[in-house]
Amino acid sequence: MGNVTRKGASSQPQAIRYLTEVRRLVMALAALVTAVGSVIALFVR
């Protein structure tokens, strides 16, 4: 039981790190989508 709780406590920072990585990925994807959207808008005009 003690090992399980210790494992959960150590895995929390990893989850936070994973969340920050996912957030960074989402932000990069959003920037890409906006850039592509602006380029498409230029071509459509």
PDB file of N, CA and C in Angstrom:
ATOM      1  N   MET A   1       0.837  -1.202   0.000  1.00  0.00           N
ATOM      2  CA  MET A   1       0.000   0.000   0.000  1.00  0.00           C
ATOM      3  C   MET A   1       0.886   1.273   0.000  1.00  0.00           C
ATOM      4  N   GLY A   2       1.919   1.262   0.835  1.00  0.00           N
ATOM      5  CA  GLY A   2       2.805   2.422   0.898  1.00  0.00           C
ATOM      6  C   GLY A   2       3.461   2.696  -0.448  1.00  0.00           C
ATOM      7  N   ASN A   3       3.856   1.621  -1.150  1.00  0.00           N
ATOM      8  CA  ASN A   3       4.482   1.804  -2.454  1.00  0.00           C
ATOM      9  C   ASN A   3       3.515   2.446  -3.441  1.00  0.00           C
ATOM     10  N   VAL A   4       2.250   2.050  -3.364  1.00  0.00           N
ATOM     11  CA  VAL A   4       1.254   2.593  -4.295  1.00  0.00           C
ATOM     12  C   VAL A   4       1.100   4.098  -4.102  1.00  0.00           C
ATOM     13  N   THR A   5       0.998   4.541  -2.832  1.00  0.00           N
ATOM     14  CA  THR A   5       0.829   5.970  -2.563  1.00  0.00           C
ATOM     15  C   THR A   5       2.082   6.729  -2.999  1.00  0.00           C
ATOM     16  N   ARG A   6       3.256   6.149  -2.746  1.00  0.00           N
ATOM     17  CA  ARG A   6       4.506   6.803  -3.125  1.00  0.00           C
ATOM     18  C   ARG A   6       4.554   6.939  -4.652  1.00  0.00           C
ATOM     19  N   LYS A   7       4.117   5.890  -5.351  1.00  0.00           N
ATOM     20  CA  LYS A   7       4.117   5.911  -6.808  1.00  0.00           C
ATOM     21  C   LYS A   7       3.186   7.023  -7.308  1.00  0.00           C
ATOM     22  N   GLY A   8       1.983   7.124  -6.719  1.00  0.00           N
ATOM     23  CA  GLY A   8       1.023   8.150  -7.134  1.00  0.00           C
ATOM     24  C   GLY A   8       1.588   9.541  -6.907  1.00  0.00           C
ATOM     25  N   ALA A   9       2.281   9.748  -5.790  1.00  0.00           N
ATOM     26  CA  ALA A   9       2.831  11.065  -5.478  1.00  0.00           C
ATOM     27  C   ALA A   9       3.919  11.430  -6.485  1.00  0.00           C
ATOM     28  N   SER A  10       4.720  10.449  -6.900  1.00  0.00           N
ATOM     29  CA  SER A  10       5.815  10.730  -7.825  1.00  0.00           C
ATOM     30  C   SER A  10       5.291  10.919  -9.244  1.00  0.00           C
ATOM     31  N   SER A  11       4.123  10.336  -9.540  1.00  0.00           N
ATOM     32  CA  SER A  11       3.588  10.441 -10.902  1.00  0.00           C
ATOM     33  C   SER A  11       2.870  11.772 -11.113  1.00  0.00           C
ATOM     34  N   GLN A  12       2.581  12.499 -10.041  1.00  0.00           N
ATOM     35  CA  GLN A  12       1.860  13.777 -10.185  1.00  0.00           C
ATOM     36  C   GLN A  12       2.673  14.803 -10.988  1.00  0.00           C
ATOM     37  N   PRO A  13       3.955  15.045 -10.667  1.00  0.00           N
ATOM     38  CA  PRO A  13       4.751  16.002 -11.463  1.00  0.00           C
ATOM     39  C   PRO A  13       4.801  15.599 -12.934  1.00  0.00           C
ATOM     40  N   GLN A  14       4.850  14.284 -13.197  1.00  0.00           N
ATOM     41  CA  GLN A  14       4.868  13.821 -14.589  1.00  0.00           C
ATOM     42  C   GLN A  14       3.576  14.226 -15.279  1.00  0.00           C
ATOM     43  N   ALA A  15       2.451  14.111 -14.576  1.00  0.00           N
ATOM     44  CA  ALA A  15       1.154  14.488 -15.154  1.00  0.00           C
ATOM     45  C   ALA A  15       1.135  15.983 -15.454  1.00  0.00           C
ATOM     46  N   ILE A  16       1.668  16.795 -14.534  1.00  0.00           N
ATOM     47  CA  ILE A  16       1.717  18.250 -14.750  1.00  0.00           C
ATOM     48  C   ILE A  16       2.600  18.550 -15.958  1.00  0.00           C
ATOM     49  N   ARG A  17       3.738  17.872 -16.048  1.00  0.00           N
ATOM     50  CA  ARG A  17       4.646  18.069 -17.177  1.00  0.00           C
ATOM     51  C   ARG A  17       3.937  17.690 -18.476  1.00  0.00           C
ATOM     52  N   TYR A  18       3.190  16.565 -18.429  1.00  0.00           N
ATOM     53  CA  TYR A  18       2.450  16.104 -19.615  1.00  0.00           C
ATOM     54  C   TYR A  18       1.398  17.134 -20.011  1.00  0.00           C
ATOM     55  N   LEU A  19       0.729  17.705 -18.996  1.00  0.00           N
ATOM     56  CA  LEU A  19      -0.304  18.718 -19.276  1.00  0.00           C
ATOM     57  C   LEU A  19       0.321  19.945 -19.928  1.00  0.00           C
ATOM     58  N   THR A  20       1.472  20.380 -19.424  1.00  0.00           N
ATOM     59  CA  THR A  20       2.131  21.554 -20.002  1.00  0.00           C
ATOM     60  C   THR A  20       2.559  21.263 -21.440  1.00  0.00           C
ATOM     61  N   GLU A  21       3.053  20.034 -21.692  1.00  0.00           N
ATOM     62  CA  GLU A  21       3.457  19.658 -23.049  1.00  0.00           C
ATOM     63  C   GLU A  21       2.246  19.682 -23.973  1.00  0.00           C
ATOM     64  N   VAL A  22       1.126  19.122 -23.510  1.00  0.00           N
ATOM     65  CA  VAL A  22      -0.097  19.095 -24.324  1.00  0.00           C
ATOM     66  C   VAL A  22      -0.563  20.515 -24.608  1.00  0.00           C
ATOM     67  N   ARG A  23      -0.502  21.380 -23.584  1.00  0.00           N
ATOM     68  CA  ARG A  23      -0.931  22.775 -23.761  1.00  0.00           C
ATOM     69  C   ARG A  23      -0.052  23.457 -24.804  1.00  0.00           C
ATOM     70  N   ARG A  24       1.279  23.193 -24.742  1.00  0.00           N
ATOM     71  CA  ARG A  24       2.209  23.780 -25.706  1.00  0.00           C
ATOM     72  C   ARG A  24       1.879  23.283 -27.118  1.00  0.00           C
ATOM     73  N   LEU A  25       1.564  21.975 -27.210  1.00  0.00           N
ATOM     74  CA  LEU A  25       1.203  21.401 -28.509  1.00  0.00           C
ATOM     75  C   LEU A  25      -0.065  22.057 -29.049  1.00  0.00           C
ATOM     76  N   VAL A  26      -1.049  22.232 -28.173  1.00  0.00           N
ATOM     77  CA  VAL A  26      -2.320  22.845 -28.593  1.00  0.00           C
ATOM     78  C   VAL A  26      -2.083  24.271 -29.070  1.00  0.00           C
ATOM     79  N   MET A  27      -1.233  25.015 -28.344  1.00  0.00           N
ATOM     80  CA  MET A  27      -0.947  26.394 -28.732  1.00  0.00           C
ATOM     81  C   MET A  27      -0.254  26.430 -30.094  1.00  0.00           C
ATOM     82  N   ALA A  28       0.701  25.517 -30.302  1.00  0.00           N
ATOM     83  CA  ALA A  28       1.399  25.447 -31.589  1.00  0.00           C
ATOM     84  C   ALA A  28       0.417  25.106 -32.705  1.00  0.00           C
ATOM     85  N   LEU A  29      -0.486  24.160 -32.428  1.00  0.00           N
ATOM     86  CA  LEU A  29      -1.499  23.777 -33.422  1.00  0.00           C
ATOM     87  C   LEU A  29      -2.403  24.967 -33.736  1.00  0.00           C
ATOM     88  N   ALA A  30      -2.800  25.708 -32.720  1.00  0.00           N
ATOM     89  CA  ALA A  30      -3.678  26.870 -32.937  1.00  0.00           C
ATOM     90  C   ALA A  30      -2.955  27.907 -33.798  1.00  0.00           C
ATOM     91  N   ALA A  31      -1.674  28.151 -33.514  1.00  0.00           N
ATOM     92  CA  ALA A  31      -0.903  29.115 -34.303  1.00  0.00           C
ATOM     93  C   ALA A  31      -0.811  28.642 -35.755  1.00  0.00           C
ATOM     94  N   LEU A  32      -0.576  27.344 -35.935  1.00  0.00           N
ATOM     95  CA  LEU A  32      -0.499  26.778 -37.287  1.00  0.00           C
ATOM     96  C   LEU A  32      -1.824  26.967 -38.018  1.00  0.00           C
ATOM     97  N   VAL A  33      -2.921  26.669 -37.327  1.00  0.00           N
ATOM     98  CA  VAL A  33      -4.254  26.787 -37.945  1.00  0.00           C
ATOM     99  C   VAL A  33      -4.530  28.236 -38.335  1.00  0.00           C
ATOM    100  N   THR A  34      -4.174  29.179 -37.471  1.00  0.00           N
ATOM    101  CA  THR A  34      -4.423  30.591 -37.787  1.00  0.00           C
ATOM    102  C   THR A  34      -3.564  31.017 -38.980  1.00  0.00           C
ATOM    103  N   ALA A  35      -2.301  30.572 -39.012  1.00  0.00           N
ATOM    104  CA  ALA A  35      -1.417  30.923 -40.129  1.00  0.00           C
ATOM    105  C   ALA A  35      -1.973  30.353 -41.431  1.00  0.00           C
ATOM    106  N   VAL A  36      -2.358  29.092 -41.415  1.00  0.00           N
ATOM    107  CA  VAL A  36      -2.916  28.457 -42.611  1.00  0.00           C
ATOM    108  C   VAL A  36      -4.212  29.154 -43.010  1.00  0.00           C
ATOM    109  N   GLY A  37      -5.025  29.508 -42.027  1.00  0.00           N
ATOM    110  CA  GLY A  37      -6.287  30.188 -42.317  1.00  0.00           C
ATOM    111  C   GLY A  37      -6.058  31.529 -42.984  1.00  0.00           C
ATOM    112  N   SER A  38      -5.069  32.293 -42.508  1.00  0.00           N
ATOM    113  CA  SER A  38      -4.781  33.599 -43.105  1.00  0.00           C
ATOM    114  C   SER A  38      -4.268  33.427 -44.532  1.00  0.00           C
ATOM    115  N   VAL A  39      -3.431  32.416 -44.751  1.00  0.00           N
ATOM    116  CA  VAL A  39      -2.902  32.153 -46.096  1.00  0.00           C
ATOM    117  C   VAL A  39      -4.042  31.768 -47.029  1.00  0.00           C
ATOM    118  N   ILE A  40      -4.940  30.911 -46.553  1.00  0.00           N
ATOM    119  CA  ILE A  40      -6.089  30.494 -47.366  1.00  0.00           C
ATOM    120  C   ILE A  40      -6.966  31.707 -47.671  1.00  0.00           C
ATOM    121  N   ALA A  41      -7.170  32.579 -46.687  1.00  0.00           N
ATOM    122  CA  ALA A  41      -7.981  33.780 -46.899  1.00  0.00           C
ATOM    123  C   ALA A  41      -7.331  34.654 -47.971  1.00  0.00           C
ATOM    124  N   LEU A  42      -6.013  34.770 -47.936  1.00  0.00           N
ATOM    125  CA  LEU A  42      -5.304  35.562 -48.955  1.00  0.00           C
ATOM    126  C   LEU A  42      -5.533  34.958 -50.341  1.00  0.00           C
ATOM    127  N   PHE A  43      -5.436  33.650 -50.443  1.00  0.00           N
ATOM    128  CA  PHE A  43      -5.613  32.993 -51.742  1.00  0.00           C
ATOM    129  C   PHE A  43      -7.058  33.075 -52.205  1.00  0.00           C
ATOM    130  N   VAL A  44      -7.997  32.968 -51.257  1.00  0.00           N
ATOM    131  CA  VAL A  44      -9.426  33.027 -51.629  1.00  0.00           C
ATOM    132  C   VAL A  44      -9.750  34.403 -52.194  1.00  0.00           C
ATOM    133  N   ARG A  45      -9.166  35.445 -51.596  1.00  0.00           N
ATOM    134  CA  ARG A  45      -9.404  36.792 -52.112  1.00  0.00           C
ATOM    135  C   ARG A  45      -8.763  36.899 -53.490  1.00  0.00           C
TER     136      ARG A  45
END
